[in-house]
């Protein structure tokens, strides 16, 4: 919108979660809080200088009670990437977001860091793998979480992409595993 270096972002995340504890299982289905943001391009890649963008972002308390933070949570995401070749790229994301400690209801700042390698497999198919971590600052009970995930992407058209992904927690504070699928639509 307005220029090639600017885009609005909106995401809705339907979720199904099954938690097992002490032999009991609890299943929840619903929608997480709505995400919105604005991606602002900063620099193109020039030699070792990465392509960079900044995303002011937030979630609105619109989700099902079990998946909602029940308050507006702003943040900012700095993303950067390098095309190594026509088939290989690497990228990272450093973000700071307001979050809520579920155990106490108190807000804290969460720092998130990720590193990704993506491969172009064909004109339509791509693959990626990613390591990411969440680091709470001033949280009462929340501890750092480390994850690894990977996935496949498929371009249905120049403006529509489907993806499937799965991952696992790498420490005891992280979720054991997760799977997901989604569709991204670009509107000009």
C-alpha atoms as a PDB file:
ATOM      1  CA  UNK A   1       0.000   0.000   0.000  1.00  0.00           C
ATOM      2  CA  UNK A   2       1.210   3.511  -0.842  1.00  0.00           C
ATOM      3  CA  UNK A   3       4.605   2.150  -1.998  1.00  0.00           C
ATOM      4  CA  UNK A   4       6.541  -1.124  -2.432  1.00  0.00           C
ATOM      5  CA  UNK A   5       8.252  -0.572   0.927  1.00  0.00           C
ATOM      6  CA  UNK A   6       4.990  -0.547   2.952  1.00  0.00           C
ATOM      7  CA  UNK A   7       2.352  -3.169   3.735  1.00  0.00           C
ATOM      8  CA  UNK A   8      -0.469  -3.666   6.216  1.00  0.00           C
ATOM      9  CA  UNK A   9      -0.614  -7.033   7.998  1.00  0.00           C
ATOM     10  CA  UNK A  10      -3.623  -8.785   9.505  1.00  0.00           C
ATOM     11  CA  UNK A  11      -3.719 -12.342  10.831  1.00  0.00           C
ATOM     12  CA  UNK A  12      -6.357 -14.558  12.375  1.00  0.00           C
ATOM     13  CA  UNK A  13      -5.168 -17.787  14.017  1.00  0.00           C
ATOM     14  CA  UNK A  14      -7.664 -20.633  14.568  1.00  0.00           C
ATOM     15  CA  UNK A  15      -6.212 -23.002  17.200  1.00  0.00           C
ATOM     16  CA  UNK A  16      -6.851 -26.499  18.490  1.00  0.00           C
ATOM     17  CA  UNK A  17      -4.891 -27.427  21.597  1.00  0.00           C
ATOM     18  CA  UNK A  18      -4.698 -30.678  23.557  1.00  0.00           C
ATOM     19  CA  UNK A  19      -2.964 -30.664  26.935  1.00  0.00           C
ATOM     20  CA  UNK A  20      -2.216 -33.852  28.892  1.00  0.00           C
ATOM     21  CA  UNK A  21      -1.380 -33.624  32.573  1.00  0.00           C
ATOM     22  CA  UNK A  22      -1.424 -36.402  35.176  1.00  0.00           C
ATOM     23  CA  UNK A  23      -3.370 -38.736  32.890  1.00  0.00           C
ATOM     24  CA  UNK A  24      -6.112 -36.171  32.174  1.00  0.00           C
ATOM     25  CA  UNK A  25      -6.578 -34.567  28.758  1.00  0.00           C
ATOM     26  CA  UNK A  26      -8.067 -31.175  28.059  1.00  0.00           C
ATOM     27  CA  UNK A  27      -8.893 -29.996  24.520  1.00  0.00           C
ATOM     28  CA  UNK A  28      -9.590 -26.388  23.533  1.00  0.00           C
ATOM     29  CA  UNK A  29     -10.615 -25.046  20.128  1.00  0.00           C
ATOM     30  CA  UNK A  30     -11.040 -21.414  19.159  1.00  0.00           C
ATOM     31  CA  UNK A  31      -9.303 -18.348  17.789  1.00  0.00           C
ATOM     32  CA  UNK A  32      -6.326 -16.434  19.213  1.00  0.00           C
ATOM     33  CA  UNK A  33      -6.319 -12.637  19.510  1.00  0.00           C
ATOM     34  CA  UNK A  34      -6.264 -10.813  16.142  1.00  0.00           C
ATOM     35  CA  UNK A  35      -2.801  -9.669  15.038  1.00  0.00           C
ATOM     36  CA  UNK A  36      -2.180  -6.522  13.023  1.00  0.00           C
ATOM     37  CA  UNK A  37       0.930  -4.656  11.967  1.00  0.00           C
ATOM     38  CA  UNK A  38       2.572  -2.495   9.330  1.00  0.00           C
ATOM     39  CA  UNK A  39       5.749  -3.627   7.556  1.00  0.00           C
ATOM     40  CA  UNK A  40       8.053  -0.726   6.689  1.00  0.00           C
ATOM     41  CA  UNK A  41      10.956  -1.489   4.362  1.00  0.00           C
ATOM     42  CA  UNK A  42      14.233   0.063   5.513  1.00  0.00           C
ATOM     43  CA  UNK A  43      17.042  -1.089   3.199  1.00  0.00           C
ATOM     44  CA  UNK A  44      17.592  -3.424   0.251  1.00  0.00           C
ATOM     45  CA  UNK A  45      20.390  -5.970   0.448  1.00  0.00           C
ATOM     46  CA  UNK A  46      23.735  -4.474  -0.562  1.00  0.00           C
ATOM     47  CA  UNK A  47      26.718  -6.797  -0.222  1.00  0.00           C
ATOM     48  CA  UNK A  48      26.881  -7.914   3.411  1.00  0.00           C
ATOM     49  CA  UNK A  49      24.234  -5.334   4.452  1.00  0.00           C
ATOM     50  CA  UNK A  50      20.930  -7.259   4.713  1.00  0.00           C
ATOM     51  CA  UNK A  51      17.541  -6.319   3.391  1.00  0.00           C
ATOM     52  CA  UNK A  52      15.767  -4.933   6.480  1.00  0.00           C
ATOM     53  CA  UNK A  53      12.282  -3.964   7.590  1.00  0.00           C
ATOM     54  CA  UNK A  54      10.559  -2.876  10.787  1.00  0.00           C
ATOM     55  CA  UNK A  55       7.101  -4.102  11.804  1.00  0.00           C
ATOM     56  CA  UNK A  56       5.218  -2.189  14.497  1.00  0.00           C
ATOM     57  CA  UNK A  57       2.684  -4.824  15.588  1.00  0.00           C
ATOM     58  CA  UNK A  58       0.040  -5.672  18.176  1.00  0.00           C
ATOM     59  CA  UNK A  59      -2.661  -8.119  19.129  1.00  0.00           C
ATOM     60  CA  UNK A  60      -6.223  -7.088  20.045  1.00  0.00           C
ATOM     61  CA  UNK A  61      -8.102  -9.014  22.772  1.00  0.00           C
ATOM     62  CA  UNK A  62     -10.623 -10.722  20.466  1.00  0.00           C
ATOM     63  CA  UNK A  63      -9.806 -14.413  20.937  1.00  0.00           C
ATOM     64  CA  UNK A  64     -11.528 -17.165  22.882  1.00  0.00           C
ATOM     65  CA  UNK A  65     -10.911 -16.739  26.631  1.00  0.00           C
ATOM     66  CA  UNK A  66      -8.440 -19.645  26.888  1.00  0.00           C
ATOM     67  CA  UNK A  67      -6.355 -18.192  23.982  1.00  0.00           C
ATOM     68  CA  UNK A  68      -6.728 -14.455  24.698  1.00  0.00           C
ATOM     69  CA  UNK A  69      -4.423 -12.198  26.699  1.00  0.00           C
ATOM     70  CA  UNK A  70      -7.485 -10.032  27.476  1.00  0.00           C
ATOM     71  CA  UNK A  71      -5.584  -6.841  26.692  1.00  0.00           C
ATOM     72  CA  UNK A  72      -3.958  -4.895  23.860  1.00  0.00           C
ATOM     73  CA  UNK A  73      -0.345  -6.110  23.445  1.00  0.00           C
ATOM     74  CA  UNK A  74       1.921  -3.873  21.293  1.00  0.00           C
ATOM     75  CA  UNK A  75       5.392  -4.699  20.053  1.00  0.00           C
ATOM     76  CA  UNK A  76       7.973  -4.187  17.340  1.00  0.00           C
ATOM     77  CA  UNK A  77       9.744  -6.690  15.076  1.00  0.00           C
ATOM     78  CA  UNK A  78      13.012  -5.965  13.227  1.00  0.00           C
ATOM     79  CA  UNK A  79      13.512  -8.412  10.357  1.00  0.00           C
ATOM     80  CA  UNK A  80      16.591  -8.868   8.177  1.00  0.00           C
ATOM     81  CA  UNK A  81      17.517 -11.240   5.357  1.00  0.00           C
ATOM     82  CA  UNK A  82      20.261 -12.128   2.911  1.00  0.00           C
ATOM     83  CA  UNK A  83      19.811 -13.890  -0.436  1.00  0.00           C
ATOM     84  CA  UNK A  84      22.853 -16.155  -0.620  1.00  0.00           C
ATOM     85  CA  UNK A  85      21.917 -17.486  -4.072  1.00  0.00           C
ATOM     86  CA  UNK A  86      18.764 -17.886  -6.191  1.00  0.00           C
ATOM     87  CA  UNK A  87      17.911 -20.989  -4.116  1.00  0.00           C
ATOM     88  CA  UNK A  88      19.153 -20.157  -0.595  1.00  0.00           C
ATOM     89  CA  UNK A  89      18.399 -17.329   1.806  1.00  0.00           C
ATOM     90  CA  UNK A  90      18.975 -16.750   5.507  1.00  0.00           C
ATOM     91  CA  UNK A  91      17.026 -14.412   7.751  1.00  0.00           C
ATOM     92  CA  UNK A  92      16.510 -13.329  11.308  1.00  0.00           C
ATOM     93  CA  UNK A  93      13.961 -11.573  13.449  1.00  0.00           C
ATOM     94  CA  UNK A  94      14.472  -9.653  16.688  1.00  0.00           C
ATOM     95  CA  UNK A  95      11.329  -8.531  18.440  1.00  0.00           C
ATOM     96  CA  UNK A  96      10.119  -7.024  21.678  1.00  0.00           C
ATOM     97  CA  UNK A  97       6.467  -7.455  22.641  1.00  0.00           C
ATOM     98  CA  UNK A  98       4.288  -6.824  25.653  1.00  0.00           C
ATOM     99  CA  UNK A  99       2.979 -10.105  27.052  1.00  0.00           C
ATOM    100  CA  UNK A 100       0.955 -11.308  30.037  1.00  0.00           C
ATOM    101  CA  UNK A 101       1.988 -13.899  32.625  1.00  0.00           C
ATOM    102  CA  UNK A 102      -0.924 -16.377  32.670  1.00  0.00           C
ATOM    103  CA  UNK A 103      -0.228 -17.388  36.282  1.00  0.00           C
ATOM    104  CA  UNK A 104      -0.323 -13.877  37.748  1.00  0.00           C
ATOM    105  CA  UNK A 105      -2.029 -11.721  35.087  1.00  0.00           C
ATOM    106  CA  UNK A 106       0.869  -9.247  35.218  1.00  0.00           C
ATOM    107  CA  UNK A 107       2.356  -7.764  32.057  1.00  0.00           C
ATOM    108  CA  UNK A 108       6.015  -8.134  31.097  1.00  0.00           C
ATOM    109  CA  UNK A 109       8.246  -7.626  28.054  1.00  0.00           C
ATOM    110  CA  UNK A 110       9.099 -10.643  25.910  1.00  0.00           C
ATOM    111  CA  UNK A 111      12.139 -10.606  23.647  1.00  0.00           C
ATOM    112  CA  UNK A 112      12.027 -13.102  20.752  1.00  0.00           C
ATOM    113  CA  UNK A 113      14.920 -14.077  18.498  1.00  0.00           C
ATOM    114  CA  UNK A 114      14.874 -16.314  15.443  1.00  0.00           C
ATOM    115  CA  UNK A 115      17.192 -17.519  12.710  1.00  0.00           C
ATOM    116  CA  UNK A 116      15.910 -19.110   9.495  1.00  0.00           C
ATOM    117  CA  UNK A 117      17.308 -20.762   6.382  1.00  0.00           C
ATOM    118  CA  UNK A 118      14.990 -21.045   3.367  1.00  0.00           C
ATOM    119  CA  UNK A 119      15.401 -23.085   0.205  1.00  0.00           C
ATOM    120  CA  UNK A 120      13.676 -22.609  -3.146  1.00  0.00           C
ATOM    121  CA  UNK A 121      12.928 -26.149  -4.335  1.00  0.00           C
ATOM    122  CA  UNK A 122      10.986 -25.355  -7.540  1.00  0.00           C
ATOM    123  CA  UNK A 123       9.125 -22.357  -8.996  1.00  0.00           C
ATOM    124  CA  UNK A 124       6.238 -23.145  -6.616  1.00  0.00           C
ATOM    125  CA  UNK A 125       7.706 -25.155  -3.703  1.00  0.00           C
ATOM    126  CA  UNK A 126       9.937 -23.898  -0.906  1.00  0.00           C
ATOM    127  CA  UNK A 127      11.207 -25.244   2.409  1.00  0.00           C
ATOM    128  CA  UNK A 128      12.576 -23.666   5.555  1.00  0.00           C
ATOM    129  CA  UNK A 129      13.953 -24.509   8.960  1.00  0.00           C
ATOM    130  CA  UNK A 130      14.083 -22.173  11.921  1.00  0.00           C
ATOM    131  CA  UNK A 131      15.382 -21.919  15.449  1.00  0.00           C
ATOM    132  CA  UNK A 132      13.607 -19.447  17.705  1.00  0.00           C
ATOM    133  CA  UNK A 133      13.578 -18.534  21.371  1.00  0.00           C
ATOM    134  CA  UNK A 134      11.371 -16.482  23.689  1.00  0.00           C
ATOM    135  CA  UNK A 135      12.997 -14.593  26.553  1.00  0.00           C
ATOM    136  CA  UNK A 136      10.745 -13.018  29.211  1.00  0.00           C
ATOM    137  CA  UNK A 137      11.937  -9.891  30.995  1.00  0.00           C
ATOM    138  CA  UNK A 138      10.389  -9.076  34.404  1.00  0.00           C
ATOM    139  CA  UNK A 139       7.903 -11.968  34.245  1.00  0.00           C
ATOM    140  CA  UNK A 140       6.762 -13.528  37.512  1.00  0.00           C
ATOM    141  CA  UNK A 141       6.628 -17.187  36.437  1.00  0.00           C
ATOM    142  CA  UNK A 142       7.368 -17.358  32.686  1.00  0.00           C
ATOM    143  CA  UNK A 143      10.766 -18.852  31.766  1.00  0.00           C
ATOM    144  CA  UNK A 144      12.750 -18.859  28.487  1.00  0.00           C
ATOM    145  CA  UNK A 145      11.536 -21.227  25.753  1.00  0.00           C
ATOM    146  CA  UNK A 146      13.591 -22.657  22.864  1.00  0.00           C
ATOM    147  CA  UNK A 147      12.124 -24.190  19.684  1.00  0.00           C
ATOM    148  CA  UNK A 148      13.063 -25.715  16.348  1.00  0.00           C
ATOM    149  CA  UNK A 149      10.602 -25.922  13.447  1.00  0.00           C
ATOM    150  CA  UNK A 150      10.500 -26.479   9.735  1.00  0.00           C
ATOM    151  CA  UNK A 151       7.994 -26.426   6.950  1.00  0.00           C
ATOM    152  CA  UNK A 152       7.047 -26.369   3.303  1.00  0.00           C
ATOM    153  CA  UNK A 153       5.505 -23.536   1.287  1.00  0.00           C
ATOM    154  CA  UNK A 154       3.574 -23.725  -1.984  1.00  0.00           C
ATOM    155  CA  UNK A 155       2.737 -20.739  -4.214  1.00  0.00           C
ATOM    156  CA  UNK A 156      -0.849 -21.121  -5.409  1.00  0.00           C
ATOM    157  CA  UNK A 157      -0.392 -17.846  -7.336  1.00  0.00           C
ATOM    158  CA  UNK A 158       1.890 -14.810  -7.144  1.00  0.00           C
ATOM    159  CA  UNK A 159      -0.325 -13.481  -4.334  1.00  0.00           C
ATOM    160  CA  UNK A 160      -1.418 -16.632  -2.459  1.00  0.00           C
ATOM    161  CA  UNK A 161       0.866 -19.007  -0.531  1.00  0.00           C
ATOM    162  CA  UNK A 162      -0.013 -22.127   1.459  1.00  0.00           C
ATOM    163  CA  UNK A 163       2.298 -23.470   4.149  1.00  0.00           C
ATOM    164  CA  UNK A 164       2.524 -26.420   6.496  1.00  0.00           C
ATOM    165  CA  UNK A 165       4.862 -26.522   9.483  1.00  0.00           C
ATOM    166  CA  UNK A 166       5.797 -28.500  12.541  1.00  0.00           C
ATOM    167  CA  UNK A 167       8.196 -28.084  15.392  1.00  0.00           C
ATOM    168  CA  UNK A 168       9.311 -29.151  18.820  1.00  0.00           C
ATOM    169  CA  UNK A 169      10.284 -27.507  22.071  1.00  0.00           C
ATOM    170  CA  UNK A 170      13.944 -27.837  23.002  1.00  0.00           C
ATOM    171  CA  UNK A 171      13.684 -27.238  26.753  1.00  0.00           C
ATOM    172  CA  UNK A 172      11.255 -28.131  29.536  1.00  0.00           C
ATOM    173  CA  UNK A 173       9.574 -24.694  29.510  1.00  0.00           C
ATOM    174  CA  UNK A 174       8.642 -25.010  25.824  1.00  0.00           C
ATOM    175  CA  UNK A 175       5.617 -26.815  24.385  1.00  0.00           C
ATOM    176  CA  UNK A 176       6.443 -30.440  23.483  1.00  0.00           C
ATOM    177  CA  UNK A 177       5.487 -30.078  19.808  1.00  0.00           C
ATOM    178  CA  UNK A 178       3.223 -28.161  17.428  1.00  0.00           C
ATOM    179  CA  UNK A 179       1.856 -28.453  13.898  1.00  0.00           C
ATOM    180  CA  UNK A 180       0.120 -25.895  11.727  1.00  0.00           C
ATOM    181  CA  UNK A 181      -0.981 -24.862   8.306  1.00  0.00           C
ATOM    182  CA  UNK A 182      -1.955 -21.504   6.899  1.00  0.00           C
ATOM    183  CA  UNK A 183      -2.676 -19.390   3.852  1.00  0.00           C
ATOM    184  CA  UNK A 184      -1.128 -15.971   3.182  1.00  0.00           C
ATOM    185  CA  UNK A 185      -2.909 -13.622   0.773  1.00  0.00           C
ATOM    186  CA  UNK A 186      -1.350 -10.459  -0.636  1.00  0.00           C
ATOM    187  CA  UNK A 187      -3.824  -7.791  -1.699  1.00  0.00           C
ATOM    188  CA  UNK A 188      -2.549  -4.965  -3.920  1.00  0.00           C
END
